[in-house]
């Protein structure tokens, strides 16, 4: 992979991670709980993930505690 391509993929992972965190906070603000999983955010908050490019590690803790969200570029 070229340097520019690697940087774009890394930047894409950062953008996706920020979007997931924002959607989780928005869910909490609107519904009073953090989303139980990524599929919930896809269905209710318009999150789109290119599963061939990125792996999302989503670990919910409790409805009132922010989840751990990590986006990893798939190689």
N, C-alpha and C. Protein backbone atom coordinates (compact mmCIF):
# COMPACT_ATOMS: atom_id res chain seq x y z
N UNK A 1 0.84 -1.17 0.00
CA UNK A 1 0.00 0.00 0.00
C UNK A 1 0.89 1.24 0.00
N UNK A 2 0.53 2.23 -0.73
CA UNK A 2 1.32 3.46 -0.77
C UNK A 2 1.06 4.30 0.47
N UNK A 3 1.95 5.24 0.73
CA UNK A 3 1.80 6.11 1.89
C UNK A 3 0.50 6.88 1.89
N UNK A 4 0.13 7.42 0.74
CA UNK A 4 -1.10 8.21 0.65
C UNK A 4 -2.32 7.32 0.89
N UNK A 5 -2.31 6.12 0.35
CA UNK A 5 -3.43 5.21 0.53
C UNK A 5 -3.56 4.77 1.99
N UNK A 6 -2.43 4.49 2.65
CA UNK A 6 -2.46 4.12 4.06
C UNK A 6 -3.01 5.26 4.91
N UNK A 7 -2.59 6.49 4.59
CA UNK A 7 -3.06 7.64 5.35
C UNK A 7 -4.56 7.82 5.17
N UNK A 8 -5.06 7.63 3.95
CA UNK A 8 -6.49 7.77 3.69
C UNK A 8 -7.28 6.72 4.46
N UNK A 9 -6.78 5.47 4.47
CA UNK A 9 -7.48 4.41 5.21
C UNK A 9 -7.46 4.69 6.71
N UNK A 10 -6.34 5.17 7.21
CA UNK A 10 -6.24 5.50 8.63
C UNK A 10 -7.19 6.64 8.97
N UNK A 11 -7.24 7.64 8.10
CA UNK A 11 -8.14 8.77 8.30
C UNK A 11 -9.59 8.30 8.24
N UNK A 12 -9.90 7.38 7.35
CA UNK A 12 -11.24 6.84 7.25
C UNK A 12 -11.65 6.12 8.52
N UNK A 13 -10.71 5.39 9.11
CA UNK A 13 -10.98 4.69 10.37
C UNK A 13 -11.26 5.70 11.49
N UNK A 14 -10.49 6.79 11.51
CA UNK A 14 -10.70 7.84 12.51
C UNK A 14 -12.07 8.49 12.35
N UNK A 15 -12.43 8.77 11.12
CA UNK A 15 -13.74 9.39 10.83
C UNK A 15 -14.87 8.45 11.26
N UNK A 16 -14.72 7.17 10.95
CA UNK A 16 -15.75 6.19 11.33
C UNK A 16 -15.85 6.08 12.84
N UNK A 17 -14.72 6.05 13.53
CA UNK A 17 -14.74 5.95 14.98
C UNK A 17 -15.42 7.17 15.60
N UNK A 18 -15.13 8.35 15.09
CA UNK A 18 -15.78 9.57 15.60
C UNK A 18 -17.28 9.54 15.33
N UNK A 19 -17.68 9.04 14.15
CA UNK A 19 -19.12 8.96 13.82
C UNK A 19 -19.83 7.98 14.74
N UNK A 20 -19.18 6.87 15.04
CA UNK A 20 -19.78 5.89 15.96
C UNK A 20 -19.94 6.46 17.36
N UNK A 21 -18.92 7.16 17.84
CA UNK A 21 -18.99 7.77 19.17
C UNK A 21 -20.08 8.84 19.22
N UNK A 22 -20.16 9.62 18.16
CA UNK A 22 -21.18 10.67 18.10
C UNK A 22 -22.59 10.06 18.09
N UNK A 23 -22.77 8.99 17.33
CA UNK A 23 -24.07 8.32 17.27
C UNK A 23 -24.43 7.71 18.63
N UNK A 24 -23.44 7.16 19.32
CA UNK A 24 -23.69 6.58 20.65
C UNK A 24 -24.15 7.66 21.63
N UNK A 25 -23.48 8.82 21.60
CA UNK A 25 -23.85 9.92 22.50
C UNK A 25 -25.23 10.46 22.12
N UNK A 26 -25.49 10.56 20.83
CA UNK A 26 -26.79 11.03 20.37
C UNK A 26 -27.89 10.08 20.83
N UNK A 27 -27.64 8.79 20.74
CA UNK A 27 -28.61 7.79 21.20
C UNK A 27 -28.88 8.00 22.69
N UNK A 28 -27.83 8.19 23.46
CA UNK A 28 -27.99 8.39 24.91
C UNK A 28 -28.82 9.64 25.20
N UNK A 29 -28.52 10.71 24.45
CA UNK A 29 -29.24 11.97 24.67
C UNK A 29 -30.72 11.84 24.31
N UNK A 30 -31.03 11.11 23.26
CA UNK A 30 -32.40 11.00 22.78
C UNK A 30 -33.18 9.90 23.52
N UNK A 31 -32.54 8.74 23.68
CA UNK A 31 -33.26 7.58 24.19
C UNK A 31 -32.96 7.24 25.65
N UNK A 32 -31.92 7.85 26.21
CA UNK A 32 -31.60 7.61 27.62
C UNK A 32 -30.73 6.40 27.89
N UNK A 33 -30.20 5.79 26.83
CA UNK A 33 -29.27 4.67 26.99
C UNK A 33 -28.31 4.64 25.81
N UNK A 34 -27.14 4.04 26.02
CA UNK A 34 -26.19 3.87 24.93
C UNK A 34 -26.63 2.67 24.10
N UNK A 35 -26.37 2.69 22.80
CA UNK A 35 -26.82 1.60 21.94
C UNK A 35 -26.22 0.26 22.37
N UNK A 36 -27.00 -0.81 22.27
CA UNK A 36 -26.51 -2.12 22.69
C UNK A 36 -25.48 -2.73 21.74
N UNK A 37 -25.51 -2.29 20.46
CA UNK A 37 -24.57 -2.84 19.47
C UNK A 37 -24.50 -1.94 18.25
N UNK A 38 -23.60 -2.27 17.35
CA UNK A 38 -23.39 -1.47 16.14
C UNK A 38 -24.60 -1.56 15.22
N UNK A 39 -25.22 -2.73 15.15
CA UNK A 39 -26.40 -2.88 14.28
C UNK A 39 -27.51 -1.92 14.67
N UNK A 40 -27.65 -1.66 15.96
CA UNK A 40 -28.65 -0.70 16.43
C UNK A 40 -28.36 0.68 15.87
N UNK A 41 -27.09 1.07 15.87
CA UNK A 41 -26.71 2.39 15.33
C UNK A 41 -26.89 2.44 13.82
N UNK A 42 -26.63 1.32 13.15
CA UNK A 42 -26.85 1.27 11.70
C UNK A 42 -28.34 1.49 11.40
N UNK A 43 -29.19 0.79 12.15
CA UNK A 43 -30.62 0.84 11.90
C UNK A 43 -31.26 2.17 12.28
N UNK A 44 -30.86 2.74 13.42
CA UNK A 44 -31.53 3.92 13.95
C UNK A 44 -30.79 5.24 13.76
N UNK A 45 -29.49 5.19 13.47
CA UNK A 45 -28.72 6.44 13.40
C UNK A 45 -27.92 6.61 12.11
N UNK A 46 -28.22 5.80 11.11
CA UNK A 46 -27.65 5.99 9.78
C UNK A 46 -26.17 5.68 9.64
N UNK A 47 -25.63 4.89 10.53
CA UNK A 47 -24.21 4.53 10.43
C UNK A 47 -24.04 3.54 9.30
N UNK A 48 -23.04 3.79 8.46
CA UNK A 48 -22.71 2.90 7.35
C UNK A 48 -21.26 2.49 7.51
N UNK A 49 -21.01 1.18 7.49
CA UNK A 49 -19.66 0.66 7.67
C UNK A 49 -19.30 -0.22 6.49
N UNK A 50 -18.15 0.05 5.89
CA UNK A 50 -17.63 -0.81 4.83
C UNK A 50 -16.91 -1.97 5.53
N UNK A 51 -17.61 -3.10 5.67
CA UNK A 51 -17.09 -4.24 6.41
C UNK A 51 -15.86 -4.86 5.76
N UNK A 52 -15.63 -4.57 4.50
CA UNK A 52 -14.43 -5.08 3.84
C UNK A 52 -13.20 -4.24 4.19
N UNK A 53 -13.41 -3.01 4.61
CA UNK A 53 -12.31 -2.11 4.94
C UNK A 53 -12.04 -1.98 6.43
N UNK A 54 -13.10 -2.08 7.24
CA UNK A 54 -12.95 -1.79 8.66
C UNK A 54 -13.61 -2.85 9.53
N UNK A 55 -12.97 -3.11 10.67
CA UNK A 55 -13.53 -3.96 11.70
C UNK A 55 -13.85 -3.07 12.89
N UNK A 56 -15.06 -3.19 13.41
CA UNK A 56 -15.47 -2.37 14.54
C UNK A 56 -15.56 -3.25 15.78
N UNK A 57 -14.81 -2.85 16.80
CA UNK A 57 -14.89 -3.52 18.10
C UNK A 57 -15.76 -2.64 18.99
N UNK A 58 -16.92 -3.14 19.34
CA UNK A 58 -17.89 -2.37 20.13
C UNK A 58 -18.18 -3.15 21.40
N UNK A 59 -17.80 -2.58 22.53
CA UNK A 59 -18.00 -3.25 23.81
C UNK A 59 -18.89 -2.39 24.71
N UNK A 60 -20.18 -2.74 24.77
CA UNK A 60 -21.07 -2.01 25.67
C UNK A 60 -20.77 -2.38 27.13
N UNK A 61 -20.90 -1.41 28.01
CA UNK A 61 -20.65 -1.63 29.42
C UNK A 61 -21.98 -1.71 30.15
N UNK A 62 -22.76 -0.66 30.05
CA UNK A 62 -24.09 -0.58 30.64
C UNK A 62 -24.85 0.52 29.90
N UNK A 63 -26.14 0.57 30.07
CA UNK A 63 -26.96 1.55 29.37
C UNK A 63 -26.61 2.99 29.68
N UNK A 64 -25.98 3.22 30.85
CA UNK A 64 -25.66 4.59 31.23
C UNK A 64 -24.16 4.87 31.26
N UNK A 65 -23.35 3.95 30.72
CA UNK A 65 -21.89 4.13 30.65
C UNK A 65 -21.48 4.03 29.19
N UNK A 66 -20.68 4.98 28.68
CA UNK A 66 -20.29 4.94 27.27
C UNK A 66 -19.59 3.64 26.91
N UNK A 67 -19.88 3.12 25.72
CA UNK A 67 -19.24 1.88 25.27
C UNK A 67 -17.79 2.15 24.84
N UNK A 68 -17.03 1.09 24.80
CA UNK A 68 -15.68 1.16 24.23
C UNK A 68 -15.84 0.91 22.74
N UNK A 69 -15.33 1.85 21.91
CA UNK A 69 -15.46 1.73 20.47
C UNK A 69 -14.08 1.86 19.85
N UNK A 70 -13.72 0.85 19.05
CA UNK A 70 -12.43 0.88 18.38
C UNK A 70 -12.63 0.46 16.93
N UNK A 71 -12.08 1.21 16.00
CA UNK A 71 -12.18 0.88 14.58
C UNK A 71 -10.78 0.50 14.10
N UNK A 72 -10.70 -0.67 13.48
CA UNK A 72 -9.43 -1.20 13.00
C UNK A 72 -9.54 -1.42 11.51
N UNK A 73 -8.51 -1.00 10.79
CA UNK A 73 -8.50 -1.20 9.35
C UNK A 73 -8.27 -2.69 9.06
N UNK A 74 -9.11 -3.27 8.24
CA UNK A 74 -8.94 -4.66 7.84
C UNK A 74 -7.89 -4.74 6.75
N UNK A 75 -7.02 -5.67 6.88
CA UNK A 75 -5.93 -5.81 5.88
C UNK A 75 -6.17 -6.97 4.99
